Structures are given as structure tokens and as C-alpha cells.
Amino acid sequence: MSRSTGTNELETDSFKEIYVKRRRIPLARAGQPEEVAEAALFLAHPRNTYMTGQVLVVDGGLSVVF
């Protein structure tokens, strides 16, 4: 959310056109905070004991289009 205007960037026409309709984000939607939190919980979970040195990208596939 933009602090200066109070506008939610994810709801703007330009975001919807570029990232959703043109599928710049392959999943064709913005991610939700809960989805990022789930990834963080996975990394912090006590049963996650054998994972080291990884980068976990939570971006709906955006990074594969660049």
C-alpha cells in the first residue's frame, strides 16, 4: 500500500494489466501475505532440520520470466 496516496498498488489498473492480464506473474495474481508467512514458517519449523544454504523464492513464478 502506498503511504502517500493510500492506494493499494495491487488493485491498480496498470498492475492488473501488466502483471495479471499479460501474465507477467505466471500464476496471474498477486501473492498474499499469508503465502509468504507459510514459507517463513516452513523455514523456521523445528522439523526442518536438514535444509541448508537455500534461497526460497515466493513470487508466483515472476522470477522465471526475467
PDB file of N, CA and C in Angstrom:
ATOM      1  N   MET A   1       0.851  -1.184   0.000  1.00  0.00           N
ATOM      2  CA  MET A   1       0.000   0.000   0.000  1.00  0.00           C
ATOM      3  C   MET A   1       0.885   1.231   0.000  1.00  0.00           C
ATOM      4  N   SER A   2       0.593   2.141  -0.872  1.00  0.00           N
ATOM      5  CA  SER A   2       1.367   3.371  -0.956  1.00  0.00           C
ATOM      6  C   SER A   2       1.019   4.281   0.219  1.00  0.00           C
ATOM      7  N   ARG A   3       2.033   4.736   0.919  1.00  0.00           N
ATOM      8  CA  ARG A   3       1.796   5.578   2.097  1.00  0.00           C
ATOM      9  C   ARG A   3       1.305   6.969   1.716  1.00  0.00           C
ATOM     10  N   SER A   4       1.748   7.477   0.581  1.00  0.00           N
ATOM     11  CA  SER A   4       1.406   8.848   0.238  1.00  0.00           C
ATOM     12  C   SER A   4      -0.021   8.995  -0.287  1.00  0.00           C
ATOM     13  N   THR A   5      -0.533   8.020  -1.014  1.00  0.00           N
ATOM     14  CA  THR A   5      -1.856   8.170  -1.610  1.00  0.00           C
ATOM     15  C   THR A   5      -2.910   7.274  -0.981  1.00  0.00           C
ATOM     16  N   GLY A   6      -2.507   6.251  -0.244  1.00  0.00           N
ATOM     17  CA  GLY A   6      -3.467   5.322   0.323  1.00  0.00           C
ATOM     18  C   GLY A   6      -3.971   4.318  -0.698  1.00  0.00           C
ATOM     19  N   THR A   7      -3.360   4.275  -1.883  1.00  0.00           N
ATOM     20  CA  THR A   7      -3.774   3.380  -2.944  1.00  0.00           C
ATOM     21  C   THR A   7      -3.072   2.038  -2.806  1.00  0.00           C
ATOM     22  N   ASN A   8      -3.832   0.965  -2.952  1.00  0.00           N
ATOM     23  CA  ASN A   8      -3.250  -0.369  -2.960  1.00  0.00           C
ATOM     24  C   ASN A   8      -2.737  -0.633  -4.366  1.00  0.00           C
ATOM     25  N   GLU A   9      -1.425  -0.691  -4.515  1.00  0.00           N
ATOM     26  CA  GLU A   9      -0.794  -0.863  -5.819  1.00  0.00           C
ATOM     27  C   GLU A   9      -1.293  -2.112  -6.539  1.00  0.00           C
ATOM     28  N   LEU A  10      -1.614  -3.155  -5.800  1.00  0.00           N
ATOM     29  CA  LEU A  10      -2.056  -4.412  -6.408  1.00  0.00           C
ATOM     30  C   LEU A  10      -3.444  -4.310  -7.035  1.00  0.00           C
ATOM     31  N   GLU A  11      -4.170  -3.254  -6.713  1.00  0.00           N
ATOM     32  CA  GLU A  11      -5.517  -3.061  -7.255  1.00  0.00           C
ATOM     33  C   GLU A  11      -5.552  -2.056  -8.405  1.00  0.00           C
ATOM     34  N   THR A  12      -4.408  -1.497  -8.777  1.00  0.00           N
ATOM     35  CA  THR A  12      -4.394  -0.504  -9.845  1.00  0.00           C
ATOM     36  C   THR A  12      -4.579  -1.166 -11.205  1.00  0.00           C
ATOM     37  N   ASP A  13      -5.102  -0.410 -12.133  1.00  0.00           N
ATOM     38  CA  ASP A  13      -5.301  -0.927 -13.488  1.00  0.00           C
ATOM     39  C   ASP A  13      -3.979  -1.319 -14.136  1.00  0.00           C
ATOM     40  N   SER A  14      -2.920  -0.529 -13.880  1.00  0.00           N
ATOM     41  CA  SER A  14      -1.630  -0.848 -14.504  1.00  0.00           C
ATOM     42  C   SER A  14      -1.069  -2.166 -13.969  1.00  0.00           C
ATOM     43  N   PHE A  15      -1.210  -2.424 -12.674  1.00  0.00           N
ATOM     44  CA  PHE A  15      -0.740  -3.708 -12.130  1.00  0.00           C
ATOM     45  C   PHE A  15      -1.529  -4.852 -12.740  1.00  0.00           C
ATOM     46  N   LYS A  16      -2.834  -4.705 -12.772  1.00  0.00           N
ATOM     47  CA  LYS A  16      -3.686  -5.771 -13.321  1.00  0.00           C
ATOM     48  C   LYS A  16      -3.375  -6.030 -14.787  1.00  0.00           C
ATOM     49  N   GLU A  17      -3.144  -4.971 -15.555  1.00  0.00           N
ATOM     50  CA  GLU A  17      -2.853  -5.137 -16.978  1.00  0.00           C
ATOM     51  C   GLU A  17      -1.507  -5.809 -17.204  1.00  0.00           C
ATOM     52  N   ILE A  18      -0.466  -5.287 -16.587  1.00  0.00           N
ATOM     53  CA  ILE A  18       0.889  -5.781 -16.849  1.00  0.00           C
ATOM     54  C   ILE A  18       1.158  -7.133 -16.195  1.00  0.00           C
ATOM     55  N   TYR A  19       0.854  -7.260 -14.922  1.00  0.00           N
ATOM     56  CA  TYR A  19       1.249  -8.460 -14.190  1.00  0.00           C
ATOM     57  C   TYR A  19       0.222  -9.578 -14.230  1.00  0.00           C
ATOM     58  N   VAL A  20      -1.051  -9.234 -14.378  1.00  0.00           N
ATOM     59  CA  VAL A  20      -2.088 -10.276 -14.354  1.00  0.00           C
ATOM     60  C   VAL A  20      -2.526 -10.631 -15.774  1.00  0.00           C
ATOM     61  N   LYS A  21      -3.072  -9.680 -16.509  1.00  0.00           N
ATOM     62  CA  LYS A  21      -3.594  -9.974 -17.851  1.00  0.00           C
ATOM     63  C   LYS A  21      -2.502 -10.418 -18.809  1.00  0.00           C
ATOM     64  N   ARG A  22      -1.344  -9.781 -18.743  1.00  0.00           N
ATOM     65  CA  ARG A  22      -0.226 -10.175 -19.622  1.00  0.00           C
ATOM     66  C   ARG A  22       0.576 -11.328 -19.022  1.00  0.00           C
ATOM     67  N   ARG A  23       0.134 -11.807 -17.869  1.00  0.00           N
ATOM     68  CA  ARG A  23       0.730 -12.950 -17.170  1.00  0.00           C
ATOM     69  C   ARG A  23       2.224 -12.759 -16.915  1.00  0.00           C
ATOM     70  N   ARG A  24       2.601 -11.542 -16.564  1.00  0.00           N
ATOM     71  CA  ARG A  24       3.989 -11.298 -16.158  1.00  0.00           C
ATOM     72  C   ARG A  24       4.290 -12.125 -14.910  1.00  0.00           C
ATOM     73  N   ILE A  25       3.279 -12.271 -14.054  1.00  0.00           N
ATOM     74  CA  ILE A  25       3.344 -13.231 -12.953  1.00  0.00           C
ATOM     75  C   ILE A  25       2.646 -14.484 -13.473  1.00  0.00           C
ATOM     76  N   PRO A  26       3.369 -15.586 -13.679  1.00  0.00           N
ATOM     77  CA  PRO A  26       2.764 -16.778 -14.257  1.00  0.00           C
ATOM     78  C   PRO A  26       1.506 -17.276 -13.539  1.00  0.00           C
ATOM     79  N   LEU A  27       1.402 -17.087 -12.241  1.00  0.00           N
ATOM     80  CA  LEU A  27       0.189 -17.514 -11.544  1.00  0.00           C
ATOM     81  C   LEU A  27      -0.956 -16.516 -11.722  1.00  0.00           C
ATOM     82  N   ALA A  28      -0.703 -15.409 -12.407  1.00  0.00           N
ATOM     83  CA  ALA A  28      -1.704 -14.412 -12.788  1.00  0.00           C
ATOM     84  C   ALA A  28      -2.464 -13.814 -11.611  1.00  0.00           C
ATOM     85  N   ARG A  29      -1.771 -13.605 -10.516  1.00  0.00           N
ATOM     86  CA  ARG A  29      -2.374 -12.919  -9.368  1.00  0.00           C
ATOM     87  C   ARG A  29      -1.272 -12.481  -8.432  1.00  0.00           C
ATOM     88  N   ALA A  30      -1.590 -11.518  -7.606  1.00  0.00           N
ATOM     89  CA  ALA A  30      -0.644 -11.078  -6.590  1.00  0.00           C
ATOM     90  C   ALA A  30      -0.621 -12.099  -5.456  1.00  0.00           C
ATOM     91  N   GLY A  31       0.520 -12.253  -4.838  1.00  0.00           N
ATOM     92  CA  GLY A  31       0.633 -13.139  -3.685  1.00  0.00           C
ATOM     93  C   GLY A  31       0.001 -12.508  -2.456  1.00  0.00           C
ATOM     94  N   GLN A  32      -0.373 -13.341  -1.541  1.00  0.00           N
ATOM     95  CA  GLN A  32      -0.972 -12.883  -0.292  1.00  0.00           C
ATOM     96  C   GLN A  32       0.059 -12.963   0.831  1.00  0.00           C
ATOM     97  N   PRO A  33      -0.021 -12.076   1.800  1.00  0.00           N
ATOM     98  CA  PRO A  33       0.927 -12.110   2.918  1.00  0.00           C
ATOM     99  C   PRO A  33       0.969 -13.477   3.604  1.00  0.00           C
ATOM    100  N   GLU A  34      -0.168 -14.145   3.672  1.00  0.00           N
ATOM    101  CA  GLU A  34      -0.228 -15.460   4.315  1.00  0.00           C
ATOM    102  C   GLU A  34       0.629 -16.485   3.571  1.00  0.00           C
ATOM    103  N   GLU A  35       0.751 -16.335   2.255  1.00  0.00           N
ATOM    104  CA  GLU A  35       1.557 -17.270   1.474  1.00  0.00           C
ATOM    105  C   GLU A  35       3.043 -17.101   1.775  1.00  0.00           C
ATOM    106  N   VAL A  36       3.468 -15.876   1.950  1.00  0.00           N
ATOM    107  CA  VAL A  36       4.864 -15.619   2.329  1.00  0.00           C
ATOM    108  C   VAL A  36       5.099 -16.109   3.759  1.00  0.00           C
ATOM    109  N   ALA A  37       4.135 -15.885   4.629  1.00  0.00           N
ATOM    110  CA  ALA A  37       4.249 -16.344   6.017  1.00  0.00           C
ATOM    111  C   ALA A  37       4.371 -17.856   6.092  1.00  0.00           C
ATOM    112  N   GLU A  38       3.637 -18.578   5.254  1.00  0.00           N
ATOM    113  CA  GLU A  38       3.734 -20.046   5.244  1.00  0.00           C
ATOM    114  C   GLU A  38       5.146 -20.500   4.884  1.00  0.00           C
ATOM    115  N   ALA A  39       5.771 -19.818   3.939  1.00  0.00           N
ATOM    116  CA  ALA A  39       7.147 -20.164   3.567  1.00  0.00           C
ATOM    117  C   ALA A  39       8.094 -19.894   4.734  1.00  0.00           C
ATOM    118  N   ALA A  40       7.909 -18.776   5.422  1.00  0.00           N
ATOM    119  CA  ALA A  40       8.743 -18.453   6.581  1.00  0.00           C
ATOM    120  C   ALA A  40       8.539 -19.476   7.697  1.00  0.00           C
ATOM    121  N   LEU A  41       7.302 -19.877   7.906  1.00  0.00           N
ATOM    122  CA  LEU A  41       7.024 -20.895   8.927  1.00  0.00           C
ATOM    123  C   LEU A  41       7.696 -22.217   8.589  1.00  0.00           C
ATOM    124  N   PHE A  42       7.682 -22.570   7.314  1.00  0.00           N
ATOM    125  CA  PHE A  42       8.356 -23.799   6.890  1.00  0.00           C
ATOM    126  C   PHE A  42       9.843 -23.741   7.238  1.00  0.00           C
ATOM    127  N   LEU A  43      10.477 -22.615   6.940  1.00  0.00           N
ATOM    128  CA  LEU A  43      11.911 -22.485   7.216  1.00  0.00           C
ATOM    129  C   LEU A  43      12.209 -22.501   8.711  1.00  0.00           C
ATOM    130  N   ALA A  44      11.297 -21.954   9.504  1.00  0.00           N
ATOM    131  CA  ALA A  44      11.523 -21.866  10.943  1.00  0.00           C
ATOM    132  C   ALA A  44      11.025 -23.088  11.714  1.00  0.00           C
ATOM    133  N   HIS A  45      10.356 -23.985  11.046  1.00  0.00           N
ATOM    134  CA  HIS A  45       9.751 -25.135  11.734  1.00  0.00           C
ATOM    135  C   HIS A  45      10.828 -26.057  12.320  1.00  0.00           C
ATOM    136  N   PRO A  46      10.616 -26.574  13.515  1.00  0.00           N
ATOM    137  CA  PRO A  46      11.591 -27.460  14.148  1.00  0.00           C
ATOM    138  C   PRO A  46      11.879 -28.732  13.352  1.00  0.00           C
ATOM    139  N   ARG A  47      10.938 -29.166  12.534  1.00  0.00           N
ATOM    140  CA  ARG A  47      11.164 -30.381  11.742  1.00  0.00           C
ATOM    141  C   ARG A  47      11.988 -30.120  10.483  1.00  0.00           C
ATOM    142  N   ASN A  48      12.223 -28.863  10.158  1.00  0.00           N
ATOM    143  CA  ASN A  48      13.051 -28.503   9.010  1.00  0.00           C
ATOM    144  C   ASN A  48      14.508 -28.464   9.473  1.00  0.00           C
ATOM    145  N   THR A  49      15.109 -29.639   9.617  1.00  0.00           N
ATOM    146  CA  THR A  49      16.443 -29.737  10.211  1.00  0.00           C
ATOM    147  C   THR A  49      17.556 -30.070   9.215  1.00  0.00           C
ATOM    148  N   TYR A  50      17.232 -30.354   7.971  1.00  0.00           N
ATOM    149  CA  TYR A  50      18.267 -30.803   7.054  1.00  0.00           C
ATOM    150  C   TYR A  50      18.437 -29.881   5.844  1.00  0.00           C
ATOM    151  N   MET A  51      17.797 -28.741   5.869  1.00  0.00           N
ATOM    152  CA  MET A  51      17.879 -27.793   4.756  1.00  0.00           C
ATOM    153  C   MET A  51      18.921 -26.733   5.088  1.00  0.00           C
ATOM    154  N   THR A  52      19.889 -26.547   4.194  1.00  0.00           N
ATOM    155  CA  THR A  52      20.926 -25.535   4.406  1.00  0.00           C
ATOM    156  C   THR A  52      21.215 -24.792   3.117  1.00  0.00           C
ATOM    157  N   GLY A  53      21.571 -23.538   3.245  1.00  0.00           N
ATOM    158  CA  GLY A  53      22.074 -22.744   2.121  1.00  0.00           C
ATOM    159  C   GLY A  53      21.142 -22.616   0.936  1.00  0.00           C
ATOM    160  N   GLN A  54      19.868 -22.491   1.156  1.00  0.00           N
ATOM    161  CA  GLN A  54      18.918 -22.376   0.058  1.00  0.00           C
ATOM    162  C   GLN A  54      18.296 -20.991   0.009  1.00  0.00           C
ATOM    163  N   VAL A  55      17.869 -20.617  -1.155  1.00  0.00           N
ATOM    164  CA  VAL A  55      17.089 -19.399  -1.344  1.00  0.00           C
ATOM    165  C   VAL A  55      15.692 -19.854  -1.728  1.00  0.00           C
ATOM    166  N   LEU A  56      14.730 -19.478  -0.945  1.00  0.00           N
ATOM    167  CA  LEU A  56      13.347 -19.862  -1.210  1.00  0.00           C
ATOM    168  C   LEU A  56      12.638 -18.652  -1.813  1.00  0.00           C
ATOM    169  N   VAL A  57      12.286 -18.761  -3.071  1.00  0.00           N
ATOM    170  CA  VAL A  57      11.651 -17.653  -3.783  1.00  0.00           C
ATOM    171  C   VAL A  57      10.135 -17.848  -3.737  1.00  0.00           C
ATOM    172  N   VAL A  58       9.443 -16.867  -3.201  1.00  0.00           N
ATOM    173  CA  VAL A  58       7.981 -16.920  -3.093  1.00  0.00           C
ATOM    174  C   VAL A  58       7.459 -15.747  -3.935  1.00  0.00           C
ATOM    175  N   ASP A  59       7.339 -15.978  -5.255  1.00  0.00           N
ATOM    176  CA  ASP A  59       6.969 -14.880  -6.139  1.00  0.00           C
ATOM    177  C   ASP A  59       5.971 -15.259  -7.221  1.00  0.00           C
ATOM    178  N   GLY A  60       5.318 -16.386  -7.083  1.00  0.00           N
ATOM    179  CA  GLY A  60       4.311 -16.784  -8.067  1.00  0.00           C
ATOM    180  C   GLY A  60       4.880 -17.090  -9.440  1.00  0.00           C
ATOM    181  N   GLY A  61       6.200 -17.237  -9.526  1.00  0.00           N
ATOM    182  CA  GLY A  61       6.850 -17.534 -10.799  1.00  0.00           C
ATOM    183  C   GLY A  61       7.404 -16.308 -11.496  1.00  0.00           C
ATOM    184  N   LEU A  62       7.285 -15.129 -10.894  1.00  0.00           N
ATOM    185  CA  LEU A  62       7.740 -13.894 -11.516  1.00  0.00           C
ATOM    186  C   LEU A  62       9.211 -13.959 -11.920  1.00  0.00           C
ATOM    187  N   SER A  63      10.035 -14.551 -11.093  1.00  0.00           N
ATOM    188  CA  SER A  63      11.483 -14.558 -11.375  1.00  0.00           C
ATOM    189  C   SER A  63      11.855 -15.392 -12.603  1.00  0.00           C
ATOM    190  N   VAL A  64      11.024 -16.315 -13.009  1.00  0.00           N
ATOM    191  CA  VAL A  64      11.364 -17.136 -14.185  1.00  0.00           C
ATOM    192  C   VAL A  64      11.100 -16.421 -15.514  1.00  0.00           C
ATOM    193  N   VAL A  65      10.410 -15.297 -15.490  1.00  0.00           N
ATOM    194  CA  VAL A  65      10.120 -14.587 -16.731  1.00  0.00           C
ATOM    195  C   VAL A  65      11.164 -13.540 -17.082  1.00  0.00           C
ATOM    196  N   PHE A  66      12.143 -13.335 -16.222  1.00  0.00           N
ATOM    197  CA  PHE A  66      13.192 -12.346 -16.498  1.00  0.00           C
ATOM    198  C   PHE A  66      14.407 -12.989 -17.086  1.00  0.00           C
TER     199      PHE A  66
END
